[in-house]
């Protein structure tokens, strides 16, 4: 969704109230940092969408 909207990692990090490098760290597959529900809620507020938009309809 971030890429579809043309939003940089830095812009999302700052807009959601995270450390400047946080989104970049989470998006690296080799890193252990991942989003939790609080992170997703902050991102949803920034992107003006629902937190449900980040979750699958059917459990994985």
C-alpha atoms as a PDB file:
ATOM      1  CA  UNK A   1       0.000   0.000   0.000  1.00  0.00           C
ATOM      2  CA  UNK A   2       2.893   2.333   0.810  1.00  0.00           C
ATOM      3  CA  UNK A   3       4.452   1.798  -2.594  1.00  0.00           C
ATOM      4  CA  UNK A   4       1.093   2.001  -4.417  1.00  0.00           C
ATOM      5  CA  UNK A   5       0.574   5.454  -2.913  1.00  0.00           C
ATOM      6  CA  UNK A   6       4.120   6.582  -3.710  1.00  0.00           C
ATOM      7  CA  UNK A   7       5.019   7.085  -0.048  1.00  0.00           C
ATOM      8  CA  UNK A   8       8.653   6.674   0.962  1.00  0.00           C
ATOM      9  CA  UNK A   9       9.754   4.606   3.922  1.00  0.00           C
ATOM     10  CA  UNK A  10      10.948   7.769   5.657  1.00  0.00           C
ATOM     11  CA  UNK A  11       7.648   9.585   5.094  1.00  0.00           C
ATOM     12  CA  UNK A  12       5.651   6.651   6.468  1.00  0.00           C
ATOM     13  CA  UNK A  13       7.981   6.281   9.456  1.00  0.00           C
ATOM     14  CA  UNK A  14       7.699   9.953  10.342  1.00  0.00           C
ATOM     15  CA  UNK A  15       3.978  10.217   9.575  1.00  0.00           C
ATOM     16  CA  UNK A  16       3.139   7.243  11.773  1.00  0.00           C
ATOM     17  CA  UNK A  17       5.363   8.509  14.595  1.00  0.00           C
ATOM     18  CA  UNK A  18       8.142   5.935  14.325  1.00  0.00           C
ATOM     19  CA  UNK A  19      11.909   6.218  14.286  1.00  0.00           C
ATOM     20  CA  UNK A  20      13.053   7.390  10.828  1.00  0.00           C
ATOM     21  CA  UNK A  21      14.542   3.982   9.958  1.00  0.00           C
ATOM     22  CA  UNK A  22      11.768   1.766  11.372  1.00  0.00           C
ATOM     23  CA  UNK A  23       9.762   1.075   8.204  1.00  0.00           C
ATOM     24  CA  UNK A  24      12.945   0.299   6.287  1.00  0.00           C
ATOM     25  CA  UNK A  25      13.990  -2.200   8.941  1.00  0.00           C
ATOM     26  CA  UNK A  26      10.595  -3.904   8.980  1.00  0.00           C
ATOM     27  CA  UNK A  27      10.537  -4.227   5.202  1.00  0.00           C
ATOM     28  CA  UNK A  28      13.876  -6.059   5.133  1.00  0.00           C
ATOM     29  CA  UNK A  29      13.101  -9.802   5.200  1.00  0.00           C
ATOM     30  CA  UNK A  30      16.337 -10.641   7.023  1.00  0.00           C
ATOM     31  CA  UNK A  31      15.492  -8.366   9.979  1.00  0.00           C
ATOM     32  CA  UNK A  32      13.485  -9.497  13.000  1.00  0.00           C
ATOM     33  CA  UNK A  33      11.589  -6.216  13.400  1.00  0.00           C
ATOM     34  CA  UNK A  34       7.949  -6.587  12.395  1.00  0.00           C
ATOM     35  CA  UNK A  35       4.804  -4.528  12.817  1.00  0.00           C
ATOM     36  CA  UNK A  36       2.541  -5.170  15.785  1.00  0.00           C
ATOM     37  CA  UNK A  37      -1.116  -4.097  16.043  1.00  0.00           C
ATOM     38  CA  UNK A  38      -0.169  -0.738  17.553  1.00  0.00           C
ATOM     39  CA  UNK A  39       2.150  -0.058  14.612  1.00  0.00           C
ATOM     40  CA  UNK A  40      -0.547  -1.055  12.129  1.00  0.00           C
ATOM     41  CA  UNK A  41      -3.042   1.220  13.851  1.00  0.00           C
ATOM     42  CA  UNK A  42      -0.639   4.177  13.583  1.00  0.00           C
ATOM     43  CA  UNK A  43      -0.007   3.414   9.920  1.00  0.00           C
ATOM     44  CA  UNK A  44      -3.754   3.134   9.226  1.00  0.00           C
ATOM     45  CA  UNK A  45      -4.324   6.545  10.823  1.00  0.00           C
ATOM     46  CA  UNK A  46      -1.590   8.079   8.673  1.00  0.00           C
ATOM     47  CA  UNK A  47      -2.844   6.420   5.469  1.00  0.00           C
ATOM     48  CA  UNK A  48      -6.485   7.142   6.374  1.00  0.00           C
ATOM     49  CA  UNK A  49      -7.557   3.536   5.949  1.00  0.00           C
ATOM     50  CA  UNK A  50      -8.723   0.678   8.158  1.00  0.00           C
ATOM     51  CA  UNK A  51      -6.321  -1.545  10.071  1.00  0.00           C
ATOM     52  CA  UNK A  52      -8.273  -4.418   8.460  1.00  0.00           C
ATOM     53  CA  UNK A  53      -6.733  -3.449   5.123  1.00  0.00           C
ATOM     54  CA  UNK A  54      -3.436  -4.938   6.344  1.00  0.00           C
ATOM     55  CA  UNK A  55      -4.877  -8.296   7.468  1.00  0.00           C
ATOM     56  CA  UNK A  56      -5.953 -11.280   5.350  1.00  0.00           C
ATOM     57  CA  UNK A  57      -9.651 -12.187   5.181  1.00  0.00           C
ATOM     58  CA  UNK A  58      -8.803 -15.837   5.812  1.00  0.00           C
ATOM     59  CA  UNK A  59      -6.251 -16.834   8.484  1.00  0.00           C
ATOM     60  CA  UNK A  60      -2.896 -17.966   7.120  1.00  0.00           C
END
